[in-house]
N, C-alpha and C. Protein backbone atom coordinates (compact mmCIF):
# COMPACT_ATOMS: atom_id res chain seq x y z
N MET A 1 -46.69 23.31 4.16
CA MET A 1 -45.64 23.96 4.91
C MET A 1 -44.35 23.88 4.09
N PHE A 2 -43.57 24.94 4.14
CA PHE A 2 -42.30 24.99 3.43
C PHE A 2 -41.36 23.94 4.03
N THR A 3 -40.84 23.06 3.17
CA THR A 3 -40.01 21.95 3.63
C THR A 3 -38.73 21.89 2.82
N ILE A 4 -37.62 21.82 3.52
CA ILE A 4 -36.33 21.63 2.87
C ILE A 4 -35.93 20.17 3.08
N ILE A 5 -35.62 19.50 1.98
CA ILE A 5 -35.20 18.10 2.05
C ILE A 5 -33.81 18.00 1.46
N SER A 6 -32.89 17.46 2.24
CA SER A 6 -31.52 17.24 1.76
C SER A 6 -31.19 15.77 1.93
N TYR A 7 -30.29 15.29 1.11
CA TYR A 7 -29.94 13.88 1.19
C TYR A 7 -28.47 13.65 0.90
N ASP A 8 -27.96 12.59 1.50
CA ASP A 8 -26.60 12.11 1.27
C ASP A 8 -26.74 10.62 1.04
N ILE A 9 -26.65 10.22 -0.21
CA ILE A 9 -26.91 8.83 -0.58
C ILE A 9 -25.68 8.27 -1.26
N VAL A 10 -25.22 7.14 -0.77
CA VAL A 10 -23.96 6.55 -1.19
C VAL A 10 -23.99 6.05 -2.63
N GLN A 11 -25.00 5.31 -2.99
CA GLN A 11 -25.05 4.66 -4.30
C GLN A 11 -25.70 5.55 -5.35
N ASP A 12 -25.05 5.66 -6.52
CA ASP A 12 -25.55 6.51 -7.61
C ASP A 12 -26.98 6.17 -8.01
N ARG A 13 -27.28 4.88 -8.15
CA ARG A 13 -28.61 4.48 -8.62
C ARG A 13 -29.70 4.92 -7.63
N ARG A 14 -29.48 4.69 -6.35
CA ARG A 14 -30.46 5.12 -5.33
C ARG A 14 -30.57 6.63 -5.29
N ARG A 15 -29.42 7.31 -5.38
CA ARG A 15 -29.42 8.77 -5.36
C ARG A 15 -30.23 9.32 -6.53
N THR A 16 -30.08 8.73 -7.70
CA THR A 16 -30.84 9.16 -8.87
C THR A 16 -32.33 8.93 -8.68
N ARG A 17 -32.70 7.79 -8.09
CA ARG A 17 -34.12 7.52 -7.83
C ARG A 17 -34.72 8.54 -6.87
N VAL A 18 -33.98 8.88 -5.82
CA VAL A 18 -34.46 9.86 -4.85
C VAL A 18 -34.60 11.23 -5.53
N MET A 19 -33.61 11.63 -6.31
CA MET A 19 -33.67 12.92 -7.00
C MET A 19 -34.88 12.98 -7.93
N LYS A 20 -35.11 11.94 -8.71
CA LYS A 20 -36.25 11.92 -9.63
C LYS A 20 -37.57 11.95 -8.87
N TYR A 21 -37.64 11.24 -7.75
CA TYR A 21 -38.86 11.25 -6.95
C TYR A 21 -39.13 12.66 -6.41
N LEU A 22 -38.11 13.30 -5.86
CA LEU A 22 -38.31 14.62 -5.27
C LEU A 22 -38.62 15.69 -6.30
N LYS A 23 -38.18 15.51 -7.54
CA LYS A 23 -38.52 16.47 -8.59
C LYS A 23 -40.03 16.60 -8.77
N GLY A 24 -40.75 15.55 -8.44
CA GLY A 24 -42.20 15.60 -8.52
C GLY A 24 -42.86 16.34 -7.37
N TRP A 25 -42.07 16.72 -6.38
CA TRP A 25 -42.62 17.36 -5.19
C TRP A 25 -42.11 18.77 -4.95
N GLY A 26 -41.01 19.15 -5.57
CA GLY A 26 -40.46 20.47 -5.27
C GLY A 26 -39.42 20.90 -6.28
N THR A 27 -38.64 21.88 -5.88
CA THR A 27 -37.63 22.48 -6.74
C THR A 27 -36.25 22.13 -6.22
N ARG A 28 -35.42 21.65 -7.12
CA ARG A 28 -34.04 21.33 -6.77
C ARG A 28 -33.25 22.63 -6.73
N VAL A 29 -32.73 22.99 -5.55
CA VAL A 29 -32.04 24.26 -5.40
C VAL A 29 -30.53 24.09 -5.28
N GLN A 30 -30.09 22.91 -4.94
CA GLN A 30 -28.68 22.55 -4.94
C GLN A 30 -28.61 21.08 -5.31
N TYR A 31 -27.39 20.56 -5.48
CA TYR A 31 -27.24 19.20 -5.97
C TYR A 31 -28.07 18.19 -5.20
N SER A 32 -28.09 18.27 -3.90
CA SER A 32 -28.85 17.29 -3.11
C SER A 32 -29.81 17.97 -2.13
N VAL A 33 -30.38 19.09 -2.56
CA VAL A 33 -31.30 19.84 -1.70
C VAL A 33 -32.53 20.26 -2.52
N PHE A 34 -33.70 19.98 -1.97
CA PHE A 34 -34.96 20.38 -2.59
C PHE A 34 -35.75 21.27 -1.63
N GLU A 35 -36.47 22.22 -2.19
CA GLU A 35 -37.43 23.02 -1.44
C GLU A 35 -38.81 22.62 -1.94
N CYS A 36 -39.69 22.29 -0.99
CA CYS A 36 -41.02 21.79 -1.32
C CYS A 36 -42.07 22.50 -0.48
N GLU A 37 -43.27 22.56 -1.00
CA GLU A 37 -44.42 23.06 -0.24
C GLU A 37 -45.32 21.86 -0.03
N LEU A 38 -45.32 21.30 1.20
CA LEU A 38 -46.02 20.05 1.48
C LEU A 38 -46.97 20.21 2.66
N ASP A 39 -48.21 19.77 2.48
CA ASP A 39 -49.10 19.73 3.64
C ASP A 39 -48.76 18.47 4.45
N ALA A 40 -49.43 18.27 5.56
CA ALA A 40 -49.10 17.16 6.46
C ALA A 40 -49.24 15.81 5.77
N ARG A 41 -50.29 15.63 5.00
CA ARG A 41 -50.52 14.36 4.31
C ARG A 41 -49.44 14.11 3.26
N GLU A 42 -49.10 15.13 2.49
CA GLU A 42 -48.05 14.99 1.48
C GLU A 42 -46.70 14.69 2.13
N PHE A 43 -46.41 15.38 3.24
CA PHE A 43 -45.15 15.15 3.94
C PHE A 43 -45.04 13.69 4.40
N THR A 44 -46.11 13.16 4.96
CA THR A 44 -46.13 11.77 5.39
C THR A 44 -45.88 10.83 4.21
N ARG A 45 -46.51 11.11 3.10
CA ARG A 45 -46.34 10.29 1.89
C ARG A 45 -44.90 10.34 1.39
N VAL A 46 -44.33 11.55 1.32
CA VAL A 46 -42.95 11.71 0.85
C VAL A 46 -41.99 10.97 1.78
N MET A 47 -42.17 11.12 3.07
CA MET A 47 -41.28 10.46 4.03
C MET A 47 -41.37 8.94 3.91
N ARG A 48 -42.57 8.44 3.72
CA ARG A 48 -42.75 6.99 3.57
C ARG A 48 -42.00 6.50 2.33
N GLU A 49 -42.15 7.20 1.23
CA GLU A 49 -41.50 6.78 -0.01
C GLU A 49 -39.98 6.91 0.09
N LEU A 50 -39.49 7.99 0.68
CA LEU A 50 -38.04 8.15 0.84
C LEU A 50 -37.47 7.03 1.70
N THR A 51 -38.19 6.65 2.73
CA THR A 51 -37.75 5.54 3.58
C THR A 51 -37.61 4.26 2.78
N ASN A 52 -38.51 4.05 1.81
CA ASN A 52 -38.45 2.87 0.96
C ASN A 52 -37.34 2.95 -0.09
N LEU A 53 -36.95 4.15 -0.48
CA LEU A 53 -35.96 4.33 -1.55
C LEU A 53 -34.52 4.24 -1.06
N ILE A 54 -34.28 4.54 0.19
CA ILE A 54 -32.90 4.62 0.67
C ILE A 54 -32.48 3.37 1.43
N ASP A 55 -31.19 3.26 1.66
CA ASP A 55 -30.64 2.23 2.55
C ASP A 55 -30.39 2.94 3.89
N ARG A 56 -31.17 2.62 4.89
CA ARG A 56 -31.10 3.33 6.17
C ARG A 56 -29.80 3.08 6.93
N THR A 57 -28.99 2.12 6.49
CA THR A 57 -27.72 1.86 7.17
C THR A 57 -26.57 2.68 6.58
N THR A 58 -26.76 3.24 5.36
CA THR A 58 -25.66 4.00 4.74
C THR A 58 -26.07 5.38 4.27
N ASP A 59 -27.36 5.63 4.07
CA ASP A 59 -27.85 6.88 3.50
C ASP A 59 -28.48 7.77 4.57
N SER A 60 -28.65 9.03 4.21
CA SER A 60 -29.26 9.99 5.14
C SER A 60 -30.16 10.95 4.37
N VAL A 61 -31.36 11.16 4.89
CA VAL A 61 -32.28 12.17 4.36
C VAL A 61 -32.69 13.05 5.53
N ARG A 62 -32.59 14.36 5.34
CA ARG A 62 -32.98 15.31 6.38
C ARG A 62 -34.09 16.21 5.86
N CYS A 63 -35.11 16.40 6.69
CA CYS A 63 -36.25 17.24 6.31
C CYS A 63 -36.43 18.33 7.36
N TYR A 64 -36.52 19.55 6.89
CA TYR A 64 -36.71 20.70 7.78
C TYR A 64 -38.03 21.36 7.40
N ARG A 65 -38.97 21.38 8.33
CA ARG A 65 -40.29 21.99 8.11
C ARG A 65 -40.25 23.40 8.71
N LEU A 66 -40.47 24.40 7.88
CA LEU A 66 -40.35 25.80 8.32
C LEU A 66 -41.69 26.50 8.27
N ASP A 67 -42.03 27.20 9.35
CA ASP A 67 -43.24 28.03 9.33
C ASP A 67 -42.92 29.33 8.57
N GLU A 68 -43.93 30.12 8.35
CA GLU A 68 -43.76 31.35 7.55
C GLU A 68 -42.72 32.29 8.15
N ALA A 69 -42.69 32.40 9.47
CA ALA A 69 -41.71 33.29 10.11
C ALA A 69 -40.28 32.83 9.80
N ALA A 70 -40.06 31.52 9.83
CA ALA A 70 -38.72 30.99 9.53
C ALA A 70 -38.37 31.18 8.06
N VAL A 71 -39.35 31.00 7.17
CA VAL A 71 -39.10 31.18 5.74
C VAL A 71 -38.68 32.63 5.46
N LYS A 72 -39.30 33.58 6.15
CA LYS A 72 -38.96 35.00 5.95
C LYS A 72 -37.54 35.32 6.40
N ARG A 73 -36.98 34.50 7.28
CA ARG A 73 -35.63 34.74 7.78
C ARG A 73 -34.55 34.04 6.95
N ILE A 74 -34.95 33.28 5.93
CA ILE A 74 -33.96 32.62 5.08
C ILE A 74 -33.14 33.69 4.36
N GLN A 75 -31.84 33.51 4.37
CA GLN A 75 -30.95 34.43 3.66
C GLN A 75 -30.15 33.64 2.64
N ILE A 76 -30.04 34.19 1.44
CA ILE A 76 -29.29 33.55 0.37
C ILE A 76 -28.14 34.46 0.00
N VAL A 77 -26.96 33.90 -0.04
CA VAL A 77 -25.77 34.63 -0.48
C VAL A 77 -25.41 34.10 -1.85
N GLY A 78 -25.27 34.96 -2.82
CA GLY A 78 -24.98 34.51 -4.18
C GLY A 78 -26.27 34.37 -4.97
N ILE A 79 -26.24 33.53 -5.98
CA ILE A 79 -27.40 33.39 -6.86
C ILE A 79 -28.47 32.53 -6.21
N GLY A 80 -29.69 32.69 -6.65
CA GLY A 80 -30.79 31.85 -6.19
C GLY A 80 -31.87 32.64 -5.48
N VAL A 81 -33.04 32.07 -5.47
CA VAL A 81 -34.18 32.65 -4.76
C VAL A 81 -34.88 31.51 -4.02
N ILE A 82 -35.67 31.85 -3.04
CA ILE A 82 -36.47 30.85 -2.34
C ILE A 82 -37.56 30.41 -3.31
N SER A 83 -37.67 29.12 -3.51
CA SER A 83 -38.66 28.62 -4.47
C SER A 83 -39.97 28.34 -3.74
N ARG A 84 -40.99 28.99 -4.17
CA ARG A 84 -42.33 28.79 -3.60
C ARG A 84 -43.25 28.39 -4.73
N ASP A 85 -43.50 27.10 -4.84
CA ASP A 85 -44.42 26.61 -5.85
C ASP A 85 -45.82 27.07 -5.49
N PRO A 86 -46.60 27.51 -6.49
CA PRO A 86 -47.97 27.91 -6.18
C PRO A 86 -48.77 26.72 -5.67
N THR A 87 -49.72 26.98 -4.81
CA THR A 87 -50.54 25.91 -4.28
C THR A 87 -51.64 25.52 -5.27
N HIS A 88 -51.95 26.42 -6.22
CA HIS A 88 -52.99 26.15 -7.22
C HIS A 88 -52.52 26.66 -8.58
N TYR A 89 -52.96 25.99 -9.62
CA TYR A 89 -52.69 26.41 -10.98
C TYR A 89 -54.01 26.63 -11.70
N MET A 90 -54.06 27.64 -12.56
CA MET A 90 -55.25 27.88 -13.37
C MET A 90 -55.00 27.28 -14.74
N VAL A 91 -55.90 26.41 -15.16
CA VAL A 91 -55.77 25.77 -16.47
C VAL A 91 -56.88 26.31 -17.36
N GLY A 92 -56.48 26.64 -18.60
CA GLY A 92 -57.47 27.19 -19.53
C GLY A 92 -57.59 28.69 -19.36
N GLY A 93 -58.73 29.21 -19.69
CA GLY A 93 -58.93 30.65 -19.59
C GLY A 93 -58.33 31.38 -20.77
N GLU A 94 -58.30 32.67 -20.70
CA GLU A 94 -57.80 33.46 -21.83
C GLU A 94 -56.52 34.12 -21.51
C-alpha cells in the first residue's frame, strides 16, 4: 500500500539514522518525507524499527497509508512526481 512517512526528529544523529533507514524502503520526496510502497508485513517491520530509532518523548513520526483512490487524488504543485517503486524487478535478460 502507498505509504507516506514524515518525521520531525530533534537530534541530528537520530534524524540521520531514520533517514538512512527509510532510504531502504522508499523515495525521499522532501527533507523529512518519504513515499513508500509497503505491504502489511513490511509496514509492521518499518514501524517497529522506527519506534526503536526515535525518542518517543521528543520526536514524531507520522505514517499515512493511502489506497489507490487516495493516491489518484494526490496533487503536486511545483516540481516532483508521485514516486511509485516497482513491486518487482527483472534481473538479467537481454
